[in-house]
PDB file of N, CA and C in Angstrom:
ATOM      1  N   UNK A   1     115.904  95.806  86.363  1.00  0.00           N
ATOM      2  CA  UNK A   1     114.638  95.189  87.388  1.00  0.00           C
ATOM      3  C   UNK A   1     113.420  96.261  87.154  1.00  0.00           C
ATOM      4  N   UNK A   2     112.481  95.815  86.619  1.00  0.00           N
ATOM      5  CA  UNK A   2     111.036  96.786  86.423  1.00  0.00           C
ATOM      6  C   UNK A   2     110.360  96.643  88.197  1.00  0.00           C
ATOM      7  N   UNK A   3     109.803  97.888  88.518  1.00  0.00           N
ATOM      8  CA  UNK A   3     109.191  97.851  89.598  1.00  0.00           C
ATOM      9  C   UNK A   3     108.139  98.711  89.456  1.00  0.00           C
ATOM     10  N   UNK A   4     106.606  98.529  90.082  1.00  0.00           N
ATOM     11  CA  UNK A   4     105.553  99.126  89.665  1.00  0.00           C
ATOM     12  C   UNK A   4     105.281  99.235  91.415  1.00  0.00           C
ATOM     13  N   UNK A   5     104.112 100.200  91.753  1.00  0.00           N
ATOM     14  CA  UNK A   5     103.431 100.168  92.803  1.00  0.00           C
ATOM     15  C   UNK A   5     103.201  99.187  93.513  1.00  0.00           C
ATOM     16  N   UNK A   6     103.244  99.022  94.770  1.00  0.00           N
ATOM     17  CA  UNK A   6     102.865  97.722  95.523  1.00  0.00           C
ATOM     18  C   UNK A   6     103.764  96.914  95.205  1.00  0.00           C
ATOM     19  N   UNK A   7     104.835  96.761  94.371  1.00  0.00           N
ATOM     20  CA  UNK A   7     105.735  95.571  94.711  1.00  0.00           C
ATOM     21  C   UNK A   7     106.405  95.288  95.972  1.00  0.00           C
ATOM     22  N   UNK A   8     106.455  94.212  96.583  1.00  0.00           N
ATOM     23  CA  UNK A   8     107.409  93.953  97.721  1.00  0.00           C
ATOM     24  C   UNK A   8     109.104  93.908  97.537  1.00  0.00           C
ATOM     25  N   UNK A   9     109.245  95.085  98.330  1.00  0.00           N
ATOM     26  CA  UNK A   9     110.948  95.102  97.900  1.00  0.00           C
ATOM     27  C   UNK A   9     111.690  93.820  98.808  1.00  0.00           C
ATOM     28  N   UNK A  10     112.728  93.285  98.211  1.00  0.00           N
ATOM     29  CA  UNK A  10     113.565  92.348  98.665  1.00  0.00           C
ATOM     30  C   UNK A  10     114.277  92.786  99.861  1.00  0.00           C
ATOM     31  N   UNK A  11     114.431  91.755 100.846  1.00  0.00           N
ATOM     32  CA  UNK A  11     115.087  92.524 102.079  1.00  0.00           C
ATOM     33  C   UNK A  11     116.417  92.662 101.598  1.00  0.00           C
ATOM     34  N   UNK A  12     117.279  93.876 102.258  1.00  0.00           N
ATOM     35  CA  UNK A  12     118.648  94.430 101.666  1.00  0.00           C
ATOM     36  C   UNK A  12     119.143  94.991 103.248  1.00  0.00           C
ATOM     37  N   UNK A  13     120.385  95.283 103.084  1.00  0.00           N
ATOM     38  CA  UNK A  13     121.183  95.772 104.579  1.00  0.00           C
ATOM     39  C   UNK A  13     121.807  96.780 103.670  1.00  0.00           C
ATOM     40  N   UNK A  14     121.933  98.138 104.556  1.00  0.00           N
ATOM     41  CA  UNK A  14     122.980  99.447 103.854  1.00  0.00           C
ATOM     42  C   UNK A  14     123.250  99.656 105.409  1.00  0.00           C
ATOM     43  N   UNK A  15     124.423 100.791 105.010  1.00  0.00           N
ATOM     44  CA  UNK A  15     125.016 101.268 106.763  1.00  0.00           C
ATOM     45  C   UNK A  15     124.513 102.758 106.755  1.00  0.00           C
ATOM     46  N   UNK A  16     123.935 103.292 107.824  1.00  0.00           N
ATOM     47  CA  UNK A  16     123.447 104.534 108.107  1.00  0.00           C
ATOM     48  C   UNK A  16     124.981 105.222 108.074  1.00  0.00           C
ATOM     49  N   UNK A  17     124.539 106.715 108.256  1.00  0.00           N
ATOM     50  CA  UNK A  17     125.751 107.565 108.605  1.00  0.00           C
ATOM     51  C   UNK A  17     126.481 107.403 109.771  1.00  0.00           C
ATOM     52  N   UNK A  18     126.270 106.623 110.402  1.00  0.00           N
ATOM     53  CA  UNK A  18     127.018 106.384 111.851  1.00  0.00           C
ATOM     54  C   UNK A  18     127.484 105.136 111.418  1.00  0.00           C
ATOM     55  N   UNK A  19     127.481 104.456 110.289  1.00  0.00           N
ATOM     56  CA  UNK A  19     128.334 103.070 110.094  1.00  0.00           C
ATOM     57  C   UNK A  19     127.699 101.825 110.800  1.00  0.00           C
ATOM     58  N   UNK A  20     126.161 101.949 110.940  1.00  0.00           N
ATOM     59  CA  UNK A  20     125.416 100.673 111.705  1.00  0.00           C
ATOM     60  C   UNK A  20     124.902  99.990 110.554  1.00  0.00           C
ATOM     61  N   UNK A  21     124.479  98.948 110.844  1.00  0.00           N
ATOM     62  CA  UNK A  21     123.722  98.147 109.758  1.00  0.00           C
ATOM     63  C   UNK A  21     122.181  98.266 109.895  1.00  0.00           C
ATOM     64  N   UNK A  22     121.421  98.709 108.902  1.00  0.00           N
ATOM     65  CA  UNK A  22     119.894  98.826 108.773  1.00  0.00           C
ATOM     66  C   UNK A  22     119.723  97.766 107.730  1.00  0.00           C
ATOM     67  N   UNK A  23     118.726  97.094 108.447  1.00  0.00           N
ATOM     68  CA  UNK A  23     118.023  96.250 107.428  1.00  0.00           C
ATOM     69  C   UNK A  23     116.598  96.343 107.270  1.00  0.00           C
ATOM     70  N   UNK A  24     116.153  96.423 106.160  1.00  0.00           N
ATOM     71  CA  UNK A  24     114.982  96.561 105.529  1.00  0.00           C
ATOM     72  C   UNK A  24     113.829  95.871 106.442  1.00  0.00           C
ATOM     73  N   UNK A  25     114.091  94.592 106.492  1.00  0.00           N
ATOM     74  CA  UNK A  25     113.177  93.687 107.232  1.00  0.00           C
ATOM     75  C   UNK A  25     112.789  94.447 108.803  1.00  0.00           C
ATOM     76  N   UNK A  26     113.795  95.024 109.391  1.00  0.00           N
ATOM     77  CA  UNK A  26     113.782  95.758 110.530  1.00  0.00           C
ATOM     78  C   UNK A  26     112.264  96.703 110.441  1.00  0.00           C
ATOM     79  N   UNK A  27     112.080  96.897 109.282  1.00  0.00           N
ATOM     80  CA  UNK A  27     110.986  98.231 109.089  1.00  0.00           C
ATOM     81  C   UNK A  27     109.562  97.394 108.494  1.00  0.00           C
ATOM     82  N   UNK A  28     109.578  96.341 108.734  1.00  0.00           N
ATOM     83  CA  UNK A  28     108.363  95.504 107.955  1.00  0.00           C
ATOM     84  C   UNK A  28     107.238  95.907 108.866  1.00  0.00           C
ATOM     85  N   UNK A  29     105.778  95.878 108.246  1.00  0.00           N
ATOM     86  CA  UNK A  29     104.882  96.120 109.180  1.00  0.00           C
ATOM     87  C   UNK A  29     104.505  97.857 109.099  1.00  0.00           C
ATOM     88  N   UNK A  30     105.806  98.622 108.792  1.00  0.00           N
ATOM     89  CA  UNK A  30     105.422 100.135 108.879  1.00  0.00           C
ATOM     90  C   UNK A  30     104.882 100.584 107.617  1.00  0.00           C
ATOM     91  N   UNK A  31     104.329 101.847 107.895  1.00  0.00           N
ATOM     92  CA  UNK A  31     103.501 102.449 106.460  1.00  0.00           C
ATOM     93  C   UNK A  31     104.569 102.756 105.284  1.00  0.00           C
ATOM     94  N   UNK A  32     105.632 103.256 105.692  1.00  0.00           N
ATOM     95  CA  UNK A  32     106.111 103.843 104.636  1.00  0.00           C
ATOM     96  C   UNK A  32     107.605 103.753 104.968  1.00  0.00           C
ATOM     97  N   UNK A  33     108.840 103.718 104.255  1.00  0.00           N
ATOM     98  CA  UNK A  33     110.303 103.486 103.959  1.00  0.00           C
ATOM     99  C   UNK A  33     110.709 104.368 103.104  1.00  0.00           C
ATOM    100  N   UNK A  34     111.525 105.247 103.333  1.00  0.00           N
ATOM    101  CA  UNK A  34     111.936 106.247 102.674  1.00  0.00           C
ATOM    102  C   UNK A  34     113.656 106.184 102.598  1.00  0.00           C
ATOM    103  N   UNK A  35     114.035 105.992 101.031  1.00  0.00           N
ATOM    104  CA  UNK A  35     115.640 105.902 101.172  1.00  0.00           C
ATOM    105  C   UNK A  35     115.937 107.082 100.493  1.00  0.00           C
ATOM    106  N   UNK A  36     117.402 107.430 100.908  1.00  0.00           N
ATOM    107  CA  UNK A  36     118.120 108.649 100.246  1.00  0.00           C
ATOM    108  C   UNK A  36     119.416 108.458 100.144  1.00  0.00           C
ATOM    109  N   UNK A  37     119.426 108.757  98.825  1.00  0.00           N
ATOM    110  CA  UNK A  37     121.049 108.464  98.486  1.00  0.00           C
ATOM    111  C   UNK A  37     121.661 109.736  98.225  1.00  0.00           C
ATOM    112  N   UNK A  38     122.675 110.173  99.252  1.00  0.00           N
ATOM    113  CA  UNK A  38     123.332 111.373  98.883  1.00  0.00           C
ATOM    114  C   UNK A  38     124.349 111.669  97.458  1.00  0.00           C
ATOM    115  N   UNK A  39     124.727 112.409  96.658  1.00  0.00           N
ATOM    116  CA  UNK A  39     125.839 112.206  95.887  1.00  0.00           C
ATOM    117  C   UNK A  39     127.047 113.111  95.919  1.00  0.00           C
ATOM    118  N   UNK A  40     127.040 113.486  96.929  1.00  0.00           N
ATOM    119  CA  UNK A  40     127.776 114.380  97.638  1.00  0.00           C
ATOM    120  C   UNK A  40     129.190 113.881  97.903  1.00  0.00           C
ATOM    121  N   UNK A  41     129.476 112.316  97.878  1.00  0.00           N
ATOM    122  CA  UNK A  41     130.421 111.801  98.510  1.00  0.00           C
ATOM    123  C   UNK A  41     131.399 111.485  97.094  1.00  0.00           C
ATOM    124  N   UNK A  42     132.342 112.304  96.898  1.00  0.00           N
ATOM    125  CA  UNK A  42     133.215 112.261  95.725  1.00  0.00           C
ATOM    126  C   UNK A  42     134.653 111.956  96.357  1.00  0.00           C
TER     127      UNK A  42
END
């Protein structure tokens, strides 16, 4: 899937470090959303 600047992201759900569900839709209307994927869990 190719994305470009200003593309609208599809809604998705992830778990935070405490195990709570976080929905992208919860942040709709905010200026920026930053996702960080740590690779230290092996």
